[in-house]
Amino acid sequence: MKRVVALVMGLMILLGGATACGSSSSSTPAAAPTAQSASAASPQTGSPSAASCASVGTRKIPKTRLLADLALTYGAFHRYLYRPYQAGTFRKGAHGRIKAIIKAGLATAAIIKLLSNAEKNAAADPTLCKFVPSMGTIKASLSSLAAKIRGGTATSSDASSTNSLFEQLKSGTGFTSAGNALLPGLG
């Protein structure tokens, strides 16, 4: 019963966030055409441009927020997509397949939202701006993987390629430590 309530609450939060985002543009009809023309004029190639990256920090603690968002995305990806795929949970006829696909879909939505937050935090700091394109690549790969999982056509190379994109970003941001390094204070 608790799991059903948690699932319903999660869906309500996701749907509530989607409708809240959509309603803001309709409340200012005069500003909507200029925002649409500005977004249509700038190509969204996924690479940072001088206009999208701040020359000075514009957010409070962007590095900490970026690493927190990346840690949550990495953990959710491994827990709800990568490990279940490796275990064969998404194969047709597997026990718990439908439940795993629902969890993977919800996790994908949360991961994409967190990656969008991470992109904003990276774009707010000139030293972190170089990571924006790789986050866009991960979002595209993750969306493709989730669609293939839903359709039952995902291969091991799809899951491995998305995992390798996460690993490249993780090592590029300095999120990984040396294999035998001890945490400070734990001796």
C-alpha atoms as a PDB file:
ATOM      1  CA  MET A   1       0.000   0.000   0.000  1.00  0.00           C
ATOM      2  CA  LYS A   2       2.841   2.405   0.859  1.00  0.00           C
ATOM      3  CA  ARG A   3       4.469   1.724  -2.499  1.00  0.00           C
ATOM      4  CA  VAL A   4       1.271   2.530  -4.376  1.00  0.00           C
ATOM      5  CA  VAL A   5       0.894   5.792  -2.465  1.00  0.00           C
ATOM      6  CA  ALA A   6       4.530   6.671  -3.178  1.00  0.00           C
ATOM      7  CA  LEU A   7       4.072   5.905  -6.876  1.00  0.00           C
ATOM      8  CA  VAL A   8       0.921   8.034  -7.072  1.00  0.00           C
ATOM      9  CA  MET A   9       2.636  10.890  -5.233  1.00  0.00           C
ATOM     10  CA  GLY A  10       5.622  10.677  -7.589  1.00  0.00           C
ATOM     11  CA  LEU A  11       3.366  10.804 -10.626  1.00  0.00           C
ATOM     12  CA  MET A  12       1.467  13.769  -9.180  1.00  0.00           C
ATOM     13  CA  ILE A  13       4.710  15.638  -8.590  1.00  0.00           C
ATOM     14  CA  LEU A  14       5.933  14.940 -12.109  1.00  0.00           C
ATOM     15  CA  LEU A  15       2.630  15.899 -13.688  1.00  0.00           C
ATOM     16  CA  GLY A  16       2.271  18.913 -11.422  1.00  0.00           C
ATOM     17  CA  GLY A  17       5.707  20.151 -12.454  1.00  0.00           C
ATOM     18  CA  ALA A  18       4.866  19.699 -16.116  1.00  0.00           C
ATOM     19  CA  THR A  19       1.629  21.649 -15.860  1.00  0.00           C
ATOM     20  CA  ALA A  20       3.213  24.349 -13.725  1.00  0.00           C
ATOM     21  CA  CYS A  21       5.882  24.888 -16.354  1.00  0.00           C
ATOM     22  CA  GLY A  22       3.329  25.061 -19.141  1.00  0.00           C
ATOM     23  CA  SER A  23       1.073  27.566 -17.422  1.00  0.00           C
ATOM     24  CA  SER A  24       3.726  30.247 -16.991  1.00  0.00           C
ATOM     25  CA  SER A  25       3.921  30.984 -20.707  1.00  0.00           C
ATOM     26  CA  SER A  26       0.167  31.435 -21.034  1.00  0.00           C
ATOM     27  CA  SER A  27       0.018  33.971 -18.208  1.00  0.00           C
ATOM     28  CA  THR A  28       2.068  36.499 -20.183  1.00  0.00           C
ATOM     29  CA  PRO A  29       0.793  36.450 -23.744  1.00  0.00           C
ATOM     30  CA  ALA A  30       2.695  39.601 -24.752  1.00  0.00           C
ATOM     31  CA  ALA A  31       6.060  38.122 -23.756  1.00  0.00           C
ATOM     32  CA  ALA A  32       5.469  34.742 -25.381  1.00  0.00           C
ATOM     33  CA  PRO A  33       6.158  35.741 -29.032  1.00  0.00           C
ATOM     34  CA  THR A  34       9.501  37.326 -28.182  1.00  0.00           C
ATOM     35  CA  ALA A  35      10.564  34.315 -26.157  1.00  0.00           C
ATOM     36  CA  GLN A  36       9.555  31.980 -28.959  1.00  0.00           C
ATOM     37  CA  SER A  37      11.365  34.019 -31.602  1.00  0.00           C
ATOM     38  CA  ALA A  38      14.497  34.174 -29.467  1.00  0.00           C
ATOM     39  CA  SER A  39      14.492  30.416 -28.947  1.00  0.00           C
ATOM     40  CA  ALA A  40      13.820  29.796 -32.622  1.00  0.00           C
ATOM     41  CA  ALA A  41      16.663  32.087 -33.664  1.00  0.00           C
ATOM     42  CA  SER A  42      19.291  30.357 -31.534  1.00  0.00           C
ATOM     43  CA  PRO A  43      20.160  26.845 -32.688  1.00  0.00           C
ATOM     44  CA  GLN A  44      20.239  24.277 -29.928  1.00  0.00           C
ATOM     45  CA  THR A  45      23.252  22.213 -30.902  1.00  0.00           C
ATOM     46  CA  GLY A  46      24.184  21.234 -27.360  1.00  0.00           C
ATOM     47  CA  SER A  47      27.471  23.127 -27.410  1.00  0.00           C
ATOM     48  CA  PRO A  48      27.990  26.045 -25.074  1.00  0.00           C
ATOM     49  CA  SER A  49      28.145  29.436 -26.693  1.00  0.00           C
ATOM     50  CA  ALA A  50      29.268  32.753 -25.358  1.00  0.00           C
ATOM     51  CA  ALA A  51      25.626  33.709 -24.889  1.00  0.00           C
ATOM     52  CA  SER A  52      24.697  30.590 -22.904  1.00  0.00           C
ATOM     53  CA  CYS A  53      27.649  30.601 -20.499  1.00  0.00           C
ATOM     54  CA  ALA A  54      28.123  33.251 -17.872  1.00  0.00           C
ATOM     55  CA  SER A  55      31.367  35.211 -17.786  1.00  0.00           C
ATOM     56  CA  VAL A  56      31.078  35.428 -13.999  1.00  0.00           C
ATOM     57  CA  GLY A  57      29.260  33.159 -11.584  1.00  0.00           C
ATOM     58  CA  THR A  58      25.538  33.904 -11.566  1.00  0.00           C
ATOM     59  CA  ARG A  59      24.344  31.211  -9.156  1.00  0.00           C
ATOM     60  CA  LYS A  60      25.243  30.450  -5.595  1.00  0.00           C
ATOM     61  CA  ILE A  61      27.497  27.395  -5.145  1.00  0.00           C
ATOM     62  CA  PRO A  62      27.127  26.083  -8.729  1.00  0.00           C
ATOM     63  CA  LYS A  63      29.903  23.500  -8.353  1.00  0.00           C
ATOM     64  CA  THR A  64      28.299  21.908  -5.308  1.00  0.00           C
ATOM     65  CA  ARG A  65      24.862  21.951  -6.908  1.00  0.00           C
ATOM     66  CA  LEU A  66      26.282  20.486 -10.120  1.00  0.00           C
ATOM     67  CA  LEU A  67      27.967  17.609  -8.305  1.00  0.00           C
ATOM     68  CA  ALA A  68      24.835  16.927  -6.241  1.00  0.00           C
ATOM     69  CA  ASP A  69      22.691  16.783  -9.371  1.00  0.00           C
ATOM     70  CA  LEU A  70      25.211  14.562 -11.154  1.00  0.00           C
ATOM     71  CA  ALA A  71      25.469  12.225  -8.165  1.00  0.00           C
ATOM     72  CA  LEU A  72      21.693  11.799  -8.059  1.00  0.00           C
ATOM     73  CA  THR A  73      21.465  11.211 -11.804  1.00  0.00           C
ATOM     74  CA  TYR A  74      24.290   8.696 -11.788  1.00  0.00           C
ATOM     75  CA  GLY A  75      22.793   6.791  -8.866  1.00  0.00           C
ATOM     76  CA  ALA A  76      19.288   6.752 -10.341  1.00  0.00           C
ATOM     77  CA  PHE A  77      20.588   5.627 -13.730  1.00  0.00           C
ATOM     78  CA  HIS A  78      22.477   2.720 -12.215  1.00  0.00           C
ATOM     79  CA  ARG A  79      19.710   1.676  -9.843  1.00  0.00           C
ATOM     80  CA  TYR A  80      16.701   1.883 -12.137  1.00  0.00           C
ATOM     81  CA  LEU A  81      18.105   1.452 -15.657  1.00  0.00           C
ATOM     82  CA  TYR A  82      21.592  -0.012 -15.918  1.00  0.00           C
ATOM     83  CA  ARG A  83      21.563  -2.749 -13.269  1.00  0.00           C
ATOM     84  CA  PRO A  84      18.021  -3.956 -14.071  1.00  0.00           C
ATOM     85  CA  TYR A  85      18.974  -4.106 -17.736  1.00  0.00           C
ATOM     86  CA  GLN A  86      22.074  -6.157 -16.949  1.00  0.00           C
ATOM     87  CA  ALA A  87      19.985  -8.465 -14.759  1.00  0.00           C
ATOM     88  CA  GLY A  88      17.557  -9.053 -17.638  1.00  0.00           C
ATOM     89  CA  THR A  89      14.570  -7.502 -15.898  1.00  0.00           C
ATOM     90  CA  PHE A  90      13.436  -5.665 -19.049  1.00  0.00           C
ATOM     91  CA  ARG A  91      13.277  -8.793 -21.241  1.00  0.00           C
ATOM     92  CA  LYS A  92       9.858  -9.995 -22.328  1.00  0.00           C
ATOM     93  CA  GLY A  93       8.490 -12.554 -19.895  1.00  0.00           C
ATOM     94  CA  ALA A  94      10.829 -11.525 -17.052  1.00  0.00           C
ATOM     95  CA  HIS A  95       9.378 -11.444 -13.547  1.00  0.00           C
ATOM     96  CA  GLY A  96       8.595  -7.856 -12.509  1.00  0.00           C
ATOM     97  CA  ARG A  97       9.140  -6.436 -16.010  1.00  0.00           C
ATOM     98  CA  ILE A  98       6.199  -4.012 -16.001  1.00  0.00           C
ATOM     99  CA  LYS A  99       7.093  -2.642 -12.592  1.00  0.00           C
ATOM    100  CA  ALA A 100      10.731  -2.230 -13.639  1.00  0.00           C
ATOM    101  CA  ILE A 101       9.706  -0.397 -16.830  1.00  0.00           C
ATOM    102  CA  ILE A 102       7.482   1.978 -14.840  1.00  0.00           C
ATOM    103  CA  LYS A 103      10.313   2.664 -12.407  1.00  0.00           C
ATOM    104  CA  ALA A 104      12.726   3.179 -15.306  1.00  0.00           C
ATOM    105  CA  GLY A 105      10.338   5.650 -16.944  1.00  0.00           C
ATOM    106  CA  LEU A 106       9.907   7.667 -13.760  1.00  0.00           C
ATOM    107  CA  ALA A 107      13.641   7.559 -13.109  1.00  0.00           C
ATOM    108  CA  THR A 108      14.345   8.735 -16.650  1.00  0.00           C
ATOM    109  CA  ALA A 109      12.053  11.733 -16.190  1.00  0.00           C
ATOM    110  CA  ALA A 110      13.753  12.606 -12.899  1.00  0.00           C
ATOM    111  CA  ILE A 111      17.233  12.119 -14.368  1.00  0.00           C
ATOM    112  CA  ILE A 112      16.475  14.376 -17.327  1.00  0.00           C
ATOM    113  CA  LYS A 113      15.150  17.058 -14.975  1.00  0.00           C
ATOM    114  CA  LEU A 114      18.252  16.793 -12.786  1.00  0.00           C
ATOM    115  CA  LEU A 115      20.511  16.937 -15.847  1.00  0.00           C
ATOM    116  CA  SER A 116      18.687  20.096 -16.949  1.00  0.00           C
ATOM    117  CA  ASN A 117      19.352  21.587 -13.510  1.00  0.00           C
ATOM    118  CA  ALA A 118      22.988  20.520 -13.777  1.00  0.00           C
ATOM    119  CA  GLU A 119      23.247  22.188 -17.203  1.00  0.00           C
ATOM    120  CA  LYS A 120      21.952  25.447 -15.744  1.00  0.00           C
ATOM    121  CA  ASN A 121      24.427  25.242 -12.869  1.00  0.00           C
ATOM    122  CA  ALA A 122      27.300  24.484 -15.244  1.00  0.00           C
ATOM    123  CA  ALA A 123      26.320  27.340 -17.558  1.00  0.00           C
ATOM    124  CA  ALA A 124      26.303  29.698 -14.571  1.00  0.00           C
ATOM    125  CA  ASP A 125      30.021  29.177 -13.941  1.00  0.00           C
ATOM    126  CA  PRO A 126      32.665  29.821 -16.609  1.00  0.00           C
ATOM    127  CA  THR A 127      34.884  26.938 -15.459  1.00  0.00           C
ATOM    128  CA  LEU A 128      32.019  24.421 -15.539  1.00  0.00           C
ATOM    129  CA  CYS A 129      30.551  25.511 -18.862  1.00  0.00           C
ATOM    130  CA  LYS A 130      32.620  22.958 -20.766  1.00  0.00           C
ATOM    131  CA  PHE A 131      30.451  20.153 -19.331  1.00  0.00           C
ATOM    132  CA  VAL A 132      27.169  21.427 -20.808  1.00  0.00           C
ATOM    133  CA  PRO A 133      27.498  19.587 -24.165  1.00  0.00           C
ATOM    134  CA  SER A 134      28.182  16.228 -22.529  1.00  0.00           C
ATOM    135  CA  MET A 135      25.088  16.608 -20.342  1.00  0.00           C
ATOM    136  CA  GLY A 136      23.005  17.245 -23.451  1.00  0.00           C
ATOM    137  CA  THR A 137      24.472  14.133 -25.062  1.00  0.00           C
ATOM    138  CA  ILE A 138      23.609  12.074 -21.993  1.00  0.00           C
ATOM    139  CA  LYS A 139      20.019  13.362 -22.015  1.00  0.00           C
ATOM    140  CA  ALA A 140      19.610  12.380 -25.669  1.00  0.00           C
ATOM    141  CA  SER A 141      21.166   8.950 -25.112  1.00  0.00           C
ATOM    142  CA  LEU A 142      19.051   8.372 -22.014  1.00  0.00           C
ATOM    143  CA  SER A 143      15.835   9.291 -23.821  1.00  0.00           C
ATOM    144  CA  SER A 144      16.739   6.903 -26.623  1.00  0.00           C
ATOM    145  CA  LEU A 145      17.564   4.114 -24.155  1.00  0.00           C
ATOM    146  CA  ALA A 146      14.275   4.586 -22.280  1.00  0.00           C
ATOM    147  CA  ALA A 147      12.297   4.445 -25.532  1.00  0.00           C
ATOM    148  CA  LYS A 148      14.104   1.273 -26.569  1.00  0.00           C
ATOM    149  CA  ILE A 149      13.476  -0.307 -23.158  1.00  0.00           C
ATOM    150  CA  ARG A 150       9.764   0.501 -23.433  1.00  0.00           C
ATOM    151  CA  GLY A 151       9.670  -0.952 -26.926  1.00  0.00           C
ATOM    152  CA  GLY A 152      11.679  -4.023 -25.967  1.00  0.00           C
ATOM    153  CA  THR A 153      14.436  -3.322 -28.511  1.00  0.00           C
ATOM    154  CA  ALA A 154      17.250  -2.194 -26.209  1.00  0.00           C
ATOM    155  CA  THR A 155      20.580  -3.915 -26.656  1.00  0.00           C
ATOM    156  CA  SER A 156      23.512  -4.212 -24.302  1.00  0.00           C
ATOM    157  CA  SER A 157      25.425  -1.684 -26.401  1.00  0.00           C
ATOM    158  CA  ASP A 158      22.673   0.913 -25.823  1.00  0.00           C
ATOM    159  CA  ALA A 159      22.943   0.551 -22.054  1.00  0.00           C
ATOM    160  CA  SER A 160      26.733   0.400 -22.151  1.00  0.00           C
ATOM    161  CA  SER A 161      27.058   3.502 -24.331  1.00  0.00           C
ATOM    162  CA  THR A 162      24.866   5.544 -21.974  1.00  0.00           C
ATOM    163  CA  ASN A 163      26.871   4.241 -19.031  1.00  0.00           C
ATOM    164  CA  SER A 164      30.145   5.189 -20.737  1.00  0.00           C
ATOM    165  CA  LEU A 165      28.819   8.736 -21.312  1.00  0.00           C
ATOM    166  CA  PHE A 166      28.085   8.970 -17.583  1.00  0.00           C
ATOM    167  CA  GLU A 167      31.560   7.627 -16.792  1.00  0.00           C
ATOM    168  CA  GLN A 168      33.228  10.185 -19.101  1.00  0.00           C
ATOM    169  CA  LEU A 169      31.335  13.042 -17.477  1.00  0.00           C
ATOM    170  CA  LYS A 170      32.069  11.664 -14.026  1.00  0.00           C
ATOM    171  CA  SER A 171      35.803  11.490 -14.656  1.00  0.00           C
ATOM    172  CA  GLY A 172      35.828  14.856 -16.466  1.00  0.00           C
ATOM    173  CA  THR A 173      34.239  16.664 -13.538  1.00  0.00           C
ATOM    174  CA  GLY A 174      36.632  15.136 -11.037  1.00  0.00           C
ATOM    175  CA  PHE A 175      33.797  13.222  -9.421  1.00  0.00           C
ATOM    176  CA  THR A 176      35.906  10.066  -9.217  1.00  0.00           C
ATOM    177  CA  SER A 177      38.784   9.592  -6.843  1.00  0.00           C
ATOM    178  CA  ALA A 178      41.793   7.325  -6.968  1.00  0.00           C
ATOM    179  CA  GLY A 179      40.847   3.688  -6.489  1.00  0.00           C
ATOM    180  CA  ASN A 180      42.558   3.290  -3.130  1.00  0.00           C
ATOM    181  CA  ALA A 181      42.168   6.828  -1.798  1.00  0.00           C
ATOM    182  CA  LEU A 182      40.677   7.134   1.651  1.00  0.00           C
ATOM    183  CA  LEU A 183      38.023   9.661   2.445  1.00  0.00           C
ATOM    184  CA  PRO A 184      39.315  12.596   4.497  1.00  0.00           C
ATOM    185  CA  GLY A 185      38.751  12.120   8.183  1.00  0.00           C
ATOM    186  CA  LEU A 186      38.128   8.385   7.966  1.00  0.00           C
ATOM    187  CA  GLY A 187      41.816   7.446   8.163  1.00  0.00           C
END
